[in-house]
Amino acid sequence: MSETEFSVSANAARRIHELLASEPPGSVLKISVNGGGCSGFSYGFDIGHVIAGDDIVVARDGVKVAVDSISIGYMRGAEVDFVDDLMGQSFRVHNPMATSGCGCGTSFSI
């Protein structure tokens, strides 16, 4: 994995495949890092239909996940996962750059 990449777990790829099944061909899960949230930054998840030229794209099991060129600076080495537990279903980003996080699972600080 290069310094600008991230990974996608098998569970996340399965769930993304389910979500994209009703979307137009070529759709991807887009992840962004935004200022705000309980801990300073928060992850945004969206379905995208266009991959920007500077997006970092990772493919796994037939699905693609794209992170914009600014957000990848906050996600180097991260793994995108999907969990289904007592707290509910959600995508989680296991980010080695995060120094702390919030109980919501989508907010972190560096």
PDB file of N, CA and C in Angstrom:
ATOM      1  N   MET A   1       0.856  -1.177   0.000  1.00  0.00           N
ATOM      2  CA  MET A   1       0.000   0.000   0.000  1.00  0.00           C
ATOM      3  C   MET A   1       0.898   1.234   0.000  1.00  0.00           C
ATOM      4  N   SER A   2       0.656   2.147  -0.917  1.00  0.00           N
ATOM      5  CA  SER A   2       1.450   3.370  -0.929  1.00  0.00           C
ATOM      6  C   SER A   2       0.953   4.310   0.155  1.00  0.00           C
ATOM      7  N   GLU A   3       1.676   5.390   0.371  1.00  0.00           N
ATOM      8  CA  GLU A   3       1.312   6.307   1.447  1.00  0.00           C
ATOM      9  C   GLU A   3      -0.021   7.017   1.208  1.00  0.00           C
ATOM     10  N   THR A   4      -0.543   6.990  -0.007  1.00  0.00           N
ATOM     11  CA  THR A   4      -1.792   7.693  -0.282  1.00  0.00           C
ATOM     12  C   THR A   4      -2.990   6.753  -0.333  1.00  0.00           C
ATOM     13  N   GLU A   5      -2.791   5.485  -0.111  1.00  0.00           N
ATOM     14  CA  GLU A   5      -3.891   4.543  -0.243  1.00  0.00           C
ATOM     15  C   GLU A   5      -4.573   4.247   1.083  1.00  0.00           C
ATOM     16  N   PHE A   6      -5.737   3.662   0.941  1.00  0.00           N
ATOM     17  CA  PHE A   6      -6.523   3.141   2.047  1.00  0.00           C
ATOM     18  C   PHE A   6      -7.030   1.782   1.590  1.00  0.00           C
ATOM     19  N   SER A   7      -7.655   1.039   2.478  1.00  0.00           N
ATOM     20  CA  SER A   7      -8.167  -0.281   2.095  1.00  0.00           C
ATOM     21  C   SER A   7      -9.650  -0.393   2.430  1.00  0.00           C
ATOM     22  N   VAL A   8     -10.270  -1.396   1.842  1.00  0.00           N
ATOM     23  CA  VAL A   8     -11.694  -1.665   2.032  1.00  0.00           C
ATOM     24  C   VAL A   8     -11.821  -3.112   2.479  1.00  0.00           C
ATOM     25  N   SER A   9     -12.517  -3.350   3.597  1.00  0.00           N
ATOM     26  CA  SER A   9     -12.689  -4.717   4.094  1.00  0.00           C
ATOM     27  C   SER A   9     -13.690  -5.478   3.228  1.00  0.00           C
ATOM     28  N   ALA A  10     -13.676  -6.796   3.356  1.00  0.00           N
ATOM     29  CA  ALA A  10     -14.638  -7.632   2.627  1.00  0.00           C
ATOM     30  C   ALA A  10     -16.068  -7.293   3.045  1.00  0.00           C
ATOM     31  N   ASN A  11     -16.289  -7.057   4.344  1.00  0.00           N
ATOM     32  CA  ASN A  11     -17.636  -6.686   4.808  1.00  0.00           C
ATOM     33  C   ASN A  11     -18.105  -5.390   4.178  1.00  0.00           C
ATOM     34  N   ALA A  12     -17.215  -4.404   4.102  1.00  0.00           N
ATOM     35  CA  ALA A  12     -17.575  -3.123   3.498  1.00  0.00           C
ATOM     36  C   ALA A  12     -17.872  -3.307   2.012  1.00  0.00           C
ATOM     37  N   ALA A  13     -17.068  -4.087   1.317  1.00  0.00           N
ATOM     38  CA  ALA A  13     -17.292  -4.314  -0.113  1.00  0.00           C
ATOM     39  C   ALA A  13     -18.649  -4.966  -0.354  1.00  0.00           C
ATOM     40  N   ARG A  14     -19.018  -5.924   0.481  1.00  0.00           N
ATOM     41  CA  ARG A  14     -20.330  -6.579   0.345  1.00  0.00           C
ATOM     42  C   ARG A  14     -21.465  -5.576   0.499  1.00  0.00           C
ATOM     43  N   ARG A  15     -21.379  -4.723   1.535  1.00  0.00           N
ATOM     44  CA  ARG A  15     -22.433  -3.742   1.788  1.00  0.00           C
ATOM     45  C   ARG A  15     -22.481  -2.680   0.689  1.00  0.00           C
ATOM     46  N   ILE A  16     -21.327  -2.248   0.216  1.00  0.00           N
ATOM     47  CA  ILE A  16     -21.281  -1.274  -0.876  1.00  0.00           C
ATOM     48  C   ILE A  16     -21.930  -1.865  -2.122  1.00  0.00           C
ATOM     49  N   HIS A  17     -21.641  -3.127  -2.401  1.00  0.00           N
ATOM     50  CA  HIS A  17     -22.257  -3.811  -3.545  1.00  0.00           C
ATOM     51  C   HIS A  17     -23.788  -3.780  -3.428  1.00  0.00           C
ATOM     52  N   GLU A  18     -24.303  -4.050  -2.231  1.00  0.00           N
ATOM     53  CA  GLU A  18     -25.758  -4.016  -2.010  1.00  0.00           C
ATOM     54  C   GLU A  18     -26.311  -2.606  -2.253  1.00  0.00           C
ATOM     55  N   LEU A  19     -25.618  -1.590  -1.746  1.00  0.00           N
ATOM     56  CA  LEU A  19     -26.076  -0.210  -1.899  1.00  0.00           C
ATOM     57  C   LEU A  19     -26.046   0.249  -3.354  1.00  0.00           C
ATOM     58  N   LEU A  20     -25.029  -0.156  -4.082  1.00  0.00           N
ATOM     59  CA  LEU A  20     -24.873   0.301  -5.457  1.00  0.00           C
ATOM     60  C   LEU A  20     -25.721  -0.475  -6.452  1.00  0.00           C
ATOM     61  N   ALA A  21     -26.329  -1.576  -6.010  1.00  0.00           N
ATOM     62  CA  ALA A  21     -27.131  -2.406  -6.915  1.00  0.00           C
ATOM     63  C   ALA A  21     -28.274  -1.624  -7.557  1.00  0.00           C
ATOM     64  N   SER A  22     -28.819  -0.640  -6.858  1.00  0.00           N
ATOM     65  CA  SER A  22     -29.935   0.140  -7.397  1.00  0.00           C
ATOM     66  C   SER A  22     -29.486   1.479  -7.984  1.00  0.00           C
ATOM     67  N   GLU A  23     -28.178   1.679  -8.088  1.00  0.00           N
ATOM     68  CA  GLU A  23     -27.622   2.922  -8.639  1.00  0.00           C
ATOM     69  C   GLU A  23     -27.202   2.702 -10.090  1.00  0.00           C
ATOM     70  N   PRO A  24     -27.018   3.780 -10.844  1.00  0.00           N
ATOM     71  CA  PRO A  24     -26.554   3.654 -12.234  1.00  0.00           C
ATOM     72  C   PRO A  24     -25.188   2.964 -12.300  1.00  0.00           C
ATOM     73  N   PRO A  25     -24.920   2.254 -13.384  1.00  0.00           N
ATOM     74  CA  PRO A  25     -23.613   1.600 -13.542  1.00  0.00           C
ATOM     75  C   PRO A  25     -22.485   2.629 -13.409  1.00  0.00           C
ATOM     76  N   GLY A  26     -21.400   2.199 -12.786  1.00  0.00           N
ATOM     77  CA  GLY A  26     -20.243   3.076 -12.600  1.00  0.00           C
ATOM     78  C   GLY A  26     -20.285   3.887 -11.317  1.00  0.00           C
ATOM     79  N   SER A  27     -21.355   3.745 -10.532  1.00  0.00           N
ATOM     80  CA  SER A  27     -21.452   4.484  -9.267  1.00  0.00           C
ATOM     81  C   SER A  27     -20.418   3.961  -8.277  1.00  0.00           C
ATOM     82  N   VAL A  28     -19.991   4.846  -7.371  1.00  0.00           N
ATOM     83  CA  VAL A  28     -18.988   4.503  -6.369  1.00  0.00           C
ATOM     84  C   VAL A  28     -19.411   5.061  -5.014  1.00  0.00           C
ATOM     85  N   LEU A  29     -18.849   4.500  -3.947  1.00  0.00           N
ATOM     86  CA  LEU A  29     -18.991   5.106  -2.627  1.00  0.00           C
ATOM     87  C   LEU A  29     -17.898   6.159  -2.521  1.00  0.00           C
ATOM     88  N   LYS A  30     -18.287   7.392  -2.196  1.00  0.00           N
ATOM     89  CA  LYS A  30     -17.314   8.480  -2.040  1.00  0.00           C
ATOM     90  C   LYS A  30     -17.221   8.819  -0.555  1.00  0.00           C
ATOM     91  N   ILE A  31     -15.990   8.898  -0.055  1.00  0.00           N
ATOM     92  CA  ILE A  31     -15.747   9.232   1.343  1.00  0.00           C
ATOM     93  C   ILE A  31     -14.989  10.551   1.390  1.00  0.00           C
ATOM     94  N   SER A  32     -15.423  11.432   2.271  1.00  0.00           N
ATOM     95  CA  SER A  32     -14.736  12.703   2.452  1.00  0.00           C
ATOM     96  C   SER A  32     -14.474  12.921   3.932  1.00  0.00           C
ATOM     97  N   VAL A  33     -13.517  13.775   4.230  1.00  0.00           N
ATOM     98  CA  VAL A  33     -13.232  14.198   5.594  1.00  0.00           C
ATOM     99  C   VAL A  33     -13.580  15.674   5.657  1.00  0.00           C
ATOM    100  N   ASN A  34     -14.450  16.014   6.613  1.00  0.00           N
ATOM    101  CA  ASN A  34     -14.929  17.385   6.756  1.00  0.00           C
ATOM    102  C   ASN A  34     -14.587  17.923   8.135  1.00  0.00           C
ATOM    103  N   GLY A  35     -14.399  19.215   8.230  1.00  0.00           N
ATOM    104  CA  GLY A  35     -14.193  19.840   9.530  1.00  0.00           C
ATOM    105  C   GLY A  35     -15.496  19.795  10.315  1.00  0.00           C
ATOM    106  N   GLY A  36     -15.394  19.578  11.623  1.00  0.00           N
ATOM    107  CA  GLY A  36     -16.585  19.524  12.471  1.00  0.00           C
ATOM    108  C   GLY A  36     -16.713  18.179  13.151  1.00  0.00           C
ATOM    109  N   GLY A  37     -17.854  17.935  13.715  1.00  0.00           N
ATOM    110  CA  GLY A  37     -18.048  16.702  14.468  1.00  0.00           C
ATOM    111  C   GLY A  37     -17.597  16.881  15.904  1.00  0.00           C
ATOM    112  N   CYS A  38     -17.810  15.887  16.700  1.00  0.00           N
ATOM    113  CA  CYS A  38     -17.502  15.946  18.129  1.00  0.00           C
ATOM    114  C   CYS A  38     -16.012  16.107  18.406  1.00  0.00           C
ATOM    115  N   SER A  39     -15.166  15.583  17.509  1.00  0.00           N
ATOM    116  CA  SER A  39     -13.727  15.546  17.771  1.00  0.00           C
ATOM    117  C   SER A  39     -12.891  16.380  16.817  1.00  0.00           C
ATOM    118  N   GLY A  40     -13.506  17.164  15.966  1.00  0.00           N
ATOM    119  CA  GLY A  40     -12.739  18.032  15.073  1.00  0.00           C
ATOM    120  C   GLY A  40     -12.914  17.741  13.598  1.00  0.00           C
ATOM    121  N   PHE A  41     -12.965  16.468  13.231  1.00  0.00           N
ATOM    122  CA  PHE A  41     -13.185  16.052  11.850  1.00  0.00           C
ATOM    123  C   PHE A  41     -14.275  14.997  11.836  1.00  0.00           C
ATOM    124  N   SER A  42     -14.970  14.878  10.701  1.00  0.00           N
ATOM    125  CA  SER A  42     -15.963  13.812  10.559  1.00  0.00           C
ATOM    126  C   SER A  42     -15.896  13.253   9.147  1.00  0.00           C
ATOM    127  N   TYR A  43     -16.262  11.993   9.025  1.00  0.00           N
ATOM    128  CA  TYR A  43     -16.294  11.331   7.723  1.00  0.00           C
ATOM    129  C   TYR A  43     -17.644  11.567   7.079  1.00  0.00           C
ATOM    130  N   GLY A  44     -17.636  11.785   5.792  1.00  0.00           N
ATOM    131  CA  GLY A  44     -18.865  11.886   5.016  1.00  0.00           C
ATOM    132  C   GLY A  44     -18.909  10.731   4.027  1.00  0.00           C
ATOM    133  N   PHE A  45     -20.072  10.122   3.867  1.00  0.00           N
ATOM    134  CA  PHE A  45     -20.262   9.003   2.943  1.00  0.00           C
ATOM    135  C   PHE A  45     -21.364   9.382   1.974  1.00  0.00           C
ATOM    136  N   ASP A  46     -21.121   9.159   0.680  1.00  0.00           N
ATOM    137  CA  ASP A  46     -22.100   9.523  -0.335  1.00  0.00           C
ATOM    138  C   ASP A  46     -21.934   8.589  -1.531  1.00  0.00           C
ATOM    139  N   ILE A  47     -22.995   8.440  -2.295  1.00  0.00           N
ATOM    140  CA  ILE A  47     -22.915   7.699  -3.547  1.00  0.00           C
ATOM    141  C   ILE A  47     -22.583   8.709  -4.641  1.00  0.00           C
ATOM    142  N   GLY A  48     -21.543   8.441  -5.394  1.00  0.00           N
ATOM    143  CA  GLY A  48     -21.139   9.338  -6.466  1.00  0.00           C
ATOM    144  C   GLY A  48     -21.264   8.668  -7.814  1.00  0.00           C
ATOM    145  N   HIS A  49     -21.459   9.478  -8.823  1.00  0.00           N
ATOM    146  CA  HIS A  49     -21.598   8.954 -10.180  1.00  0.00           C
ATOM    147  C   HIS A  49     -20.446   9.406 -11.071  1.00  0.00           C
ATOM    148  N   VAL A  50     -19.576  10.258 -10.525  1.00  0.00           N
ATOM    149  CA  VAL A  50     -18.423  10.751 -11.272  1.00  0.00           C
ATOM    150  C   VAL A  50     -17.197  10.652 -10.370  1.00  0.00           C
ATOM    151  N   ILE A  51     -16.130  10.096 -10.903  1.00  0.00           N
ATOM    152  CA  ILE A  51     -14.854  10.050 -10.184  1.00  0.00           C
ATOM    153  C   ILE A  51     -14.008  11.196 -10.711  1.00  0.00           C
ATOM    154  N   ALA A  52     -13.597  12.089  -9.817  1.00  0.00           N
ATOM    155  CA  ALA A  52     -12.746  13.217 -10.209  1.00  0.00           C
ATOM    156  C   ALA A  52     -11.359  12.706 -10.572  1.00  0.00           C
ATOM    157  N   GLY A  53     -10.674  13.431 -11.415  1.00  0.00           N
ATOM    158  CA  GLY A  53      -9.350  13.021 -11.874  1.00  0.00           C
ATOM    159  C   GLY A  53      -8.327  12.868 -10.776  1.00  0.00           C
ATOM    160  N   ASP A  54      -8.501  13.613  -9.665  1.00  0.00           N
ATOM    161  CA  ASP A  54      -7.528  13.517  -8.575  1.00  0.00           C
ATOM    162  C   ASP A  54      -8.033  12.676  -7.400  1.00  0.00           C
ATOM    163  N   ASP A  55      -9.187  12.003  -7.549  1.00  0.00           N
ATOM    164  CA  ASP A  55      -9.671  11.091  -6.505  1.00  0.00           C
ATOM    165  C   ASP A  55      -8.745   9.885  -6.404  1.00  0.00           C
ATOM    166  N   ILE A  56      -8.581   9.383  -5.196  1.00  0.00           N
ATOM    167  CA  ILE A  56      -7.861   8.136  -4.966  1.00  0.00           C
ATOM    168  C   ILE A  56      -8.929   7.051  -4.922  1.00  0.00           C
ATOM    169  N   VAL A  57      -8.808   6.050  -5.794  1.00  0.00           N
ATOM    170  CA  VAL A  57      -9.840   5.018  -5.932  1.00  0.00           C
ATOM    171  C   VAL A  57      -9.252   3.663  -5.569  1.00  0.00           C
ATOM    172  N   VAL A  58      -9.987   2.935  -4.716  1.00  0.00           N
ATOM    173  CA  VAL A  58      -9.623   1.571  -4.364  1.00  0.00           C
ATOM    174  C   VAL A  58     -10.773   0.667  -4.779  1.00  0.00           C
ATOM    175  N   ALA A  59     -10.449  -0.417  -5.460  1.00  0.00           N
ATOM    176  CA  ALA A  59     -11.458  -1.394  -5.883  1.00  0.00           C
ATOM    177  C   ALA A  59     -11.293  -2.671  -5.072  1.00  0.00           C
ATOM    178  N   ARG A  60     -12.421  -3.255  -4.718  1.00  0.00           N
ATOM    179  CA  ARG A  60     -12.401  -4.540  -4.011  1.00  0.00           C
ATOM    180  C   ARG A  60     -13.672  -5.291  -4.352  1.00  0.00           C
ATOM    181  N   ASP A  61     -13.540  -6.518  -4.765  1.00  0.00           N
ATOM    182  CA  ASP A  61     -14.677  -7.405  -5.025  1.00  0.00           C
ATOM    183  C   ASP A  61     -15.729  -6.762  -5.926  1.00  0.00           C
ATOM    184  N   GLY A  62     -15.284  -6.035  -6.936  1.00  0.00           N
ATOM    185  CA  GLY A  62     -16.196  -5.482  -7.925  1.00  0.00           C
ATOM    186  C   GLY A  62     -16.800  -4.132  -7.583  1.00  0.00           C
ATOM    187  N   VAL A  63     -16.412  -3.517  -6.467  1.00  0.00           N
ATOM    188  CA  VAL A  63     -16.923  -2.185  -6.128  1.00  0.00           C
ATOM    189  C   VAL A  63     -15.748  -1.218  -5.998  1.00  0.00           C
ATOM    190  N   LYS A  64     -16.067   0.070  -6.140  1.00  0.00           N
ATOM    191  CA  LYS A  64     -15.029   1.098  -6.017  1.00  0.00           C
ATOM    192  C   LYS A  64     -15.395   2.078  -4.916  1.00  0.00           C
ATOM    193  N   VAL A  65     -14.362   2.519  -4.203  1.00  0.00           N
ATOM    194  CA  VAL A  65     -14.491   3.548  -3.181  1.00  0.00           C
ATOM    195  C   VAL A  65     -13.520   4.658  -3.560  1.00  0.00           C
ATOM    196  N   ALA A  66     -14.020   5.897  -3.558  1.00  0.00           N
ATOM    197  CA  ALA A  66     -13.194   7.037  -3.941  1.00  0.00           C
ATOM    198  C   ALA A  66     -13.072   8.011  -2.776  1.00  0.00           C
ATOM    199  N   VAL A  67     -11.867   8.528  -2.588  1.00  0.00           N
ATOM    200  CA  VAL A  67     -11.594   9.558  -1.582  1.00  0.00           C
ATOM    201  C   VAL A  67     -10.946  10.728  -2.325  1.00  0.00           C
ATOM    202  N   ASP A  68     -11.435  11.943  -2.071  1.00  0.00           N
ATOM    203  CA  ASP A  68     -10.883  13.102  -2.772  1.00  0.00           C
ATOM    204  C   ASP A  68      -9.443  13.365  -2.316  1.00  0.00           C
ATOM    205  N   SER A  69      -8.734  14.119  -3.133  1.00  0.00           N
ATOM    206  CA  SER A  69      -7.293  14.315  -2.912  1.00  0.00           C
ATOM    207  C   SER A  69      -6.965  15.068  -1.624  1.00  0.00           C
ATOM    208  N   ILE A  70      -7.861  15.884  -1.119  1.00  0.00           N
ATOM    209  CA  ILE A  70      -7.616  16.578   0.148  1.00  0.00           C
ATOM    210  C   ILE A  70      -7.896  15.650   1.326  1.00  0.00           C
ATOM    211  N   SER A  71      -9.000  14.921   1.266  1.00  0.00           N
ATOM    212  CA  SER A  71      -9.377  14.029   2.378  1.00  0.00           C
ATOM    213  C   SER A  71      -8.387  12.895   2.583  1.00  0.00           C
ATOM    214  N   ILE A  72      -7.747  12.433   1.506  1.00  0.00           N
ATOM    215  CA  ILE A  72      -6.824  11.305   1.654  1.00  0.00           C
ATOM    216  C   ILE A  72      -5.677  11.651   2.593  1.00  0.00           C
ATOM    217  N   GLY A  73      -5.355  12.917   2.705  1.00  0.00           N
ATOM    218  CA  GLY A  73      -4.309  13.329   3.636  1.00  0.00           C
ATOM    219  C   GLY A  73      -4.640  13.021   5.080  1.00  0.00           C
ATOM    220  N   TYR A  74      -5.917  12.842   5.383  1.00  0.00           N
ATOM    221  CA  TYR A  74      -6.367  12.512   6.737  1.00  0.00           C
ATOM    222  C   TYR A  74      -6.697  11.027   6.890  1.00  0.00           C
ATOM    223  N   MET A  75      -6.513  10.248   5.811  1.00  0.00           N
ATOM    224  CA  MET A  75      -6.923   8.836   5.836  1.00  0.00           C
ATOM    225  C   MET A  75      -5.835   7.860   5.405  1.00  0.00           C
ATOM    226  N   ARG A  76      -4.607   8.308   5.297  1.00  0.00           N
ATOM    227  CA  ARG A  76      -3.554   7.394   4.832  1.00  0.00           C
ATOM    228  C   ARG A  76      -3.467   6.162   5.731  1.00  0.00           C
ATOM    229  N   GLY A  77      -3.509   5.003   5.092  1.00  0.00           N
ATOM    230  CA  GLY A  77      -3.401   3.744   5.826  1.00  0.00           C
ATOM    231  C   GLY A  77      -4.677   3.286   6.487  1.00  0.00           C
ATOM    232  N   ALA A  78      -5.782   4.001   6.302  1.00  0.00           N
ATOM    233  CA  ALA A  78      -7.050   3.652   6.948  1.00  0.00           C
ATOM    234  C   ALA A  78      -7.711   2.453   6.272  1.00  0.00           C
ATOM    235  N   GLU A  79      -8.559   1.767   7.015  1.00  0.00           N
ATOM    236  CA  GLU A  79      -9.385   0.696   6.471  1.00  0.00           C
ATOM    237  C   GLU A  79     -10.850   1.074   6.637  1.00  0.00           C
ATOM    238  N   VAL A  80     -11.595   0.996   5.548  1.00  0.00           N
ATOM    239  CA  VAL A  80     -13.034   1.224   5.575  1.00  0.00           C
ATOM    240  C   VAL A  80     -13.688  -0.123   5.837  1.00  0.00           C
ATOM    241  N   ASP A  81     -14.517  -0.190   6.869  1.00  0.00           N
ATOM    242  CA  ASP A  81     -15.171  -1.436   7.269  1.00  0.00           C
ATOM    243  C   ASP A  81     -16.667  -1.194   7.386  1.00  0.00           C
ATOM    244  N   PHE A  82     -17.426  -2.256   7.445  1.00  0.00           N
ATOM    245  CA  PHE A  82     -18.863  -2.174   7.702  1.00  0.00           C
ATOM    246  C   PHE A  82     -19.157  -3.100   8.873  1.00  0.00           C
ATOM    247  N   VAL A  83     -19.834  -2.562   9.884  1.00  0.00           N
ATOM    248  CA  VAL A  83     -20.158  -3.367  11.059  1.00  0.00           C
ATOM    249  C   VAL A  83     -21.670  -3.386  11.271  1.00  0.00           C
ATOM    250  N   ASP A  84     -22.115  -4.498  11.798  1.00  0.00           N
ATOM    251  CA  ASP A  84     -23.522  -4.696  12.153  1.00  0.00           C
ATOM    252  C   ASP A  84     -23.508  -5.263  13.565  1.00  0.00           C
ATOM    253  N   ASP A  85     -23.730  -4.367  14.564  1.00  0.00           N
ATOM    254  CA  ASP A  85     -23.669  -4.797  15.950  1.00  0.00           C
ATOM    255  C   ASP A  85     -24.855  -4.224  16.725  1.00  0.00           C
ATOM    256  N   LEU A  86     -24.821  -4.304  18.035  1.00  0.00           N
ATOM    257  CA  LEU A  86     -25.935  -3.830  18.856  1.00  0.00           C
ATOM    258  C   LEU A  86     -26.197  -2.339  18.697  1.00  0.00           C
ATOM    259  N   MET A  87     -25.189  -1.581  18.287  1.00  0.00           N
ATOM    260  CA  MET A  87     -25.346  -0.148  18.085  1.00  0.00           C
ATOM    261  C   MET A  87     -25.968   0.175  16.726  1.00  0.00           C
ATOM    262  N   GLY A  88     -26.061  -0.822  15.847  1.00  0.00           N
ATOM    263  CA  GLY A  88     -26.643  -0.634  14.530  1.00  0.00           C
ATOM    264  C   GLY A  88     -25.661  -0.973  13.424  1.00  0.00           C
ATOM    265  N   GLN A  89     -26.050  -0.654  12.217  1.00  0.00           N
ATOM    266  CA  GLN A  89     -25.211  -0.888  11.049  1.00  0.00           C
ATOM    267  C   GLN A  89     -24.562   0.417  10.624  1.00  0.00           C
ATOM    268  N   SER A  90     -23.275   0.351  10.302  1.00  0.00           N
ATOM    269  CA  SER A  90     -22.615   1.566   9.841  1.00  0.00           C
ATOM    270  C   SER A  90     -21.267   1.240   9.216  1.00  0.00           C
ATOM    271  N   PHE A  91     -20.828   2.175   8.364  1.00  0.00           N
ATOM    272  CA  PHE A  91     -19.462   2.117   7.875  1.00  0.00           C
ATOM    273  C   PHE A  91     -18.581   2.711   8.965  1.00  0.00           C
ATOM    274  N   ARG A  92     -17.428   2.123   9.169  1.00  0.00           N
ATOM    275  CA  ARG A  92     -16.458   2.631  10.141  1.00  0.00           C
ATOM    276  C   ARG A  92     -15.117   2.739   9.445  1.00  0.00           C
ATOM    277  N   VAL A  93     -14.397   3.759   9.790  1.00  0.00           N
ATOM    278  CA  VAL A  93     -13.058   3.947   9.244  1.00  0.00           C
ATOM    279  C   VAL A  93     -12.074   3.721  10.381  1.00  0.00           C
ATOM    280  N   HIS A  94     -11.255   2.687  10.238  1.00  0.00           N
ATOM    281  CA  HIS A  94     -10.195   2.408  11.204  1.00  0.00           C
ATOM    282  C   HIS A  94      -8.975   3.176  10.718  1.00  0.00           C
ATOM    283  N   ASN A  95      -8.734   4.313  11.356  1.00  0.00           N
ATOM    284  CA  ASN A  95      -7.746   5.263  10.868  1.00  0.00           C
ATOM    285  C   ASN A  95      -6.540   5.321  11.806  1.00  0.00           C
ATOM    286  N   PRO A  96      -5.372   4.868  11.344  1.00  0.00           N
ATOM    287  CA  PRO A  96      -4.187   4.900  12.205  1.00  0.00           C
ATOM    288  C   PRO A  96      -3.695   6.320  12.507  1.00  0.00           C
ATOM    289  N   MET A  97      -4.159   7.309  11.738  1.00  0.00           N
ATOM    290  CA  MET A  97      -3.751   8.695  11.971  1.00  0.00           C
ATOM    291  C   MET A  97      -4.579   9.363  13.070  1.00  0.00           C
ATOM    292  N   ALA A  98      -5.733   8.799  13.393  1.00  0.00           N
ATOM    293  CA  ALA A  98      -6.613   9.409  14.396  1.00  0.00           C
ATOM    294  C   ALA A  98      -6.025   9.221  15.789  1.00  0.00           C
ATOM    295  N   THR A  99      -5.943  10.306  16.540  1.00  0.00           N
ATOM    296  CA  THR A  99      -5.422  10.228  17.909  1.00  0.00           C
ATOM    297  C   THR A  99      -6.540  10.023  18.918  1.00  0.00           C
ATOM    298  N   SER A 100      -7.760  10.373  18.544  1.00  0.00           N
ATOM    299  CA  SER A 100      -8.919  10.110  19.391  1.00  0.00           C
ATOM    300  C   SER A 100     -10.150  10.101  18.522  1.00  0.00           C
ATOM    301  N   GLY A 101     -11.219   9.564  19.064  1.00  0.00           N
ATOM    302  CA  GLY A 101     -12.466   9.470  18.320  1.00  0.00           C
ATOM    303  C   GLY A 101     -13.642   9.722  19.227  1.00  0.00           C
ATOM    304  N   CYS A 102     -14.803   9.606  18.672  1.00  0.00           N
ATOM    305  CA  CYS A 102     -16.040   9.859  19.380  1.00  0.00           C
ATOM    306  C   CYS A 102     -16.890   8.606  19.332  1.00  0.00           C
ATOM    307  N   GLY A 103     -17.809   8.476  20.243  1.00  0.00           N
ATOM    308  CA  GLY A 103     -18.699   7.331  20.299  1.00  0.00           C
ATOM    309  C   GLY A 103     -19.559   7.175  19.067  1.00  0.00           C
ATOM    310  N   CYS A 104     -19.740   8.229  18.295  1.00  0.00           N
ATOM    311  CA  CYS A 104     -20.571   8.157  17.089  1.00  0.00           C
ATOM    312  C   CYS A 104     -19.883   7.337  16.002  1.00  0.00           C
ATOM    313  N   GLY A 105     -18.562   7.172  16.076  1.00  0.00           N
ATOM    314  CA  GLY A 105     -17.839   6.383  15.099  1.00  0.00           C
ATOM    315  C   GLY A 105     -17.484   7.116  13.822  1.00  0.00           C
ATOM    316  N   THR A 106     -17.948   8.353  13.649  1.00  0.00           N
ATOM    317  CA  THR A 106     -17.631   9.086  12.424  1.00  0.00           C
ATOM    318  C   THR A 106     -16.835  10.349  12.697  1.00  0.00           C
ATOM    319  N   SER A 107     -16.518  10.642  13.938  1.00  0.00           N
ATOM    320  CA  SER A 107     -15.793  11.851  14.287  1.00  0.00           C
ATOM    321  C   SER A 107     -14.445  11.469  14.896  1.00  0.00           C
ATOM    322  N   PHE A 108     -13.405  12.230  14.535  1.00  0.00           N
ATOM    323  CA  PHE A 108     -12.060  11.912  15.031  1.00  0.00           C
ATOM    324  C   PHE A 108     -11.208  13.175  15.083  1.00  0.00           C
ATOM    325  N   SER A 109     -10.060  13.057  15.739  1.00  0.00           N
ATOM    326  CA  SER A 109      -9.085  14.131  15.731  1.00  0.00           C
ATOM    327  C   SER A 109      -7.727  13.555  15.364  1.00  0.00           C
ATOM    328  N   ILE A 110      -6.870  14.429  14.882  1.00  0.00           N
ATOM    329  CA  ILE A 110      -5.511  14.014  14.480  1.00  0.00           C
ATOM    330  C   ILE A 110      -4.526  14.848  15.282  1.00  0.00           C
TER     331      ILE A 110
END
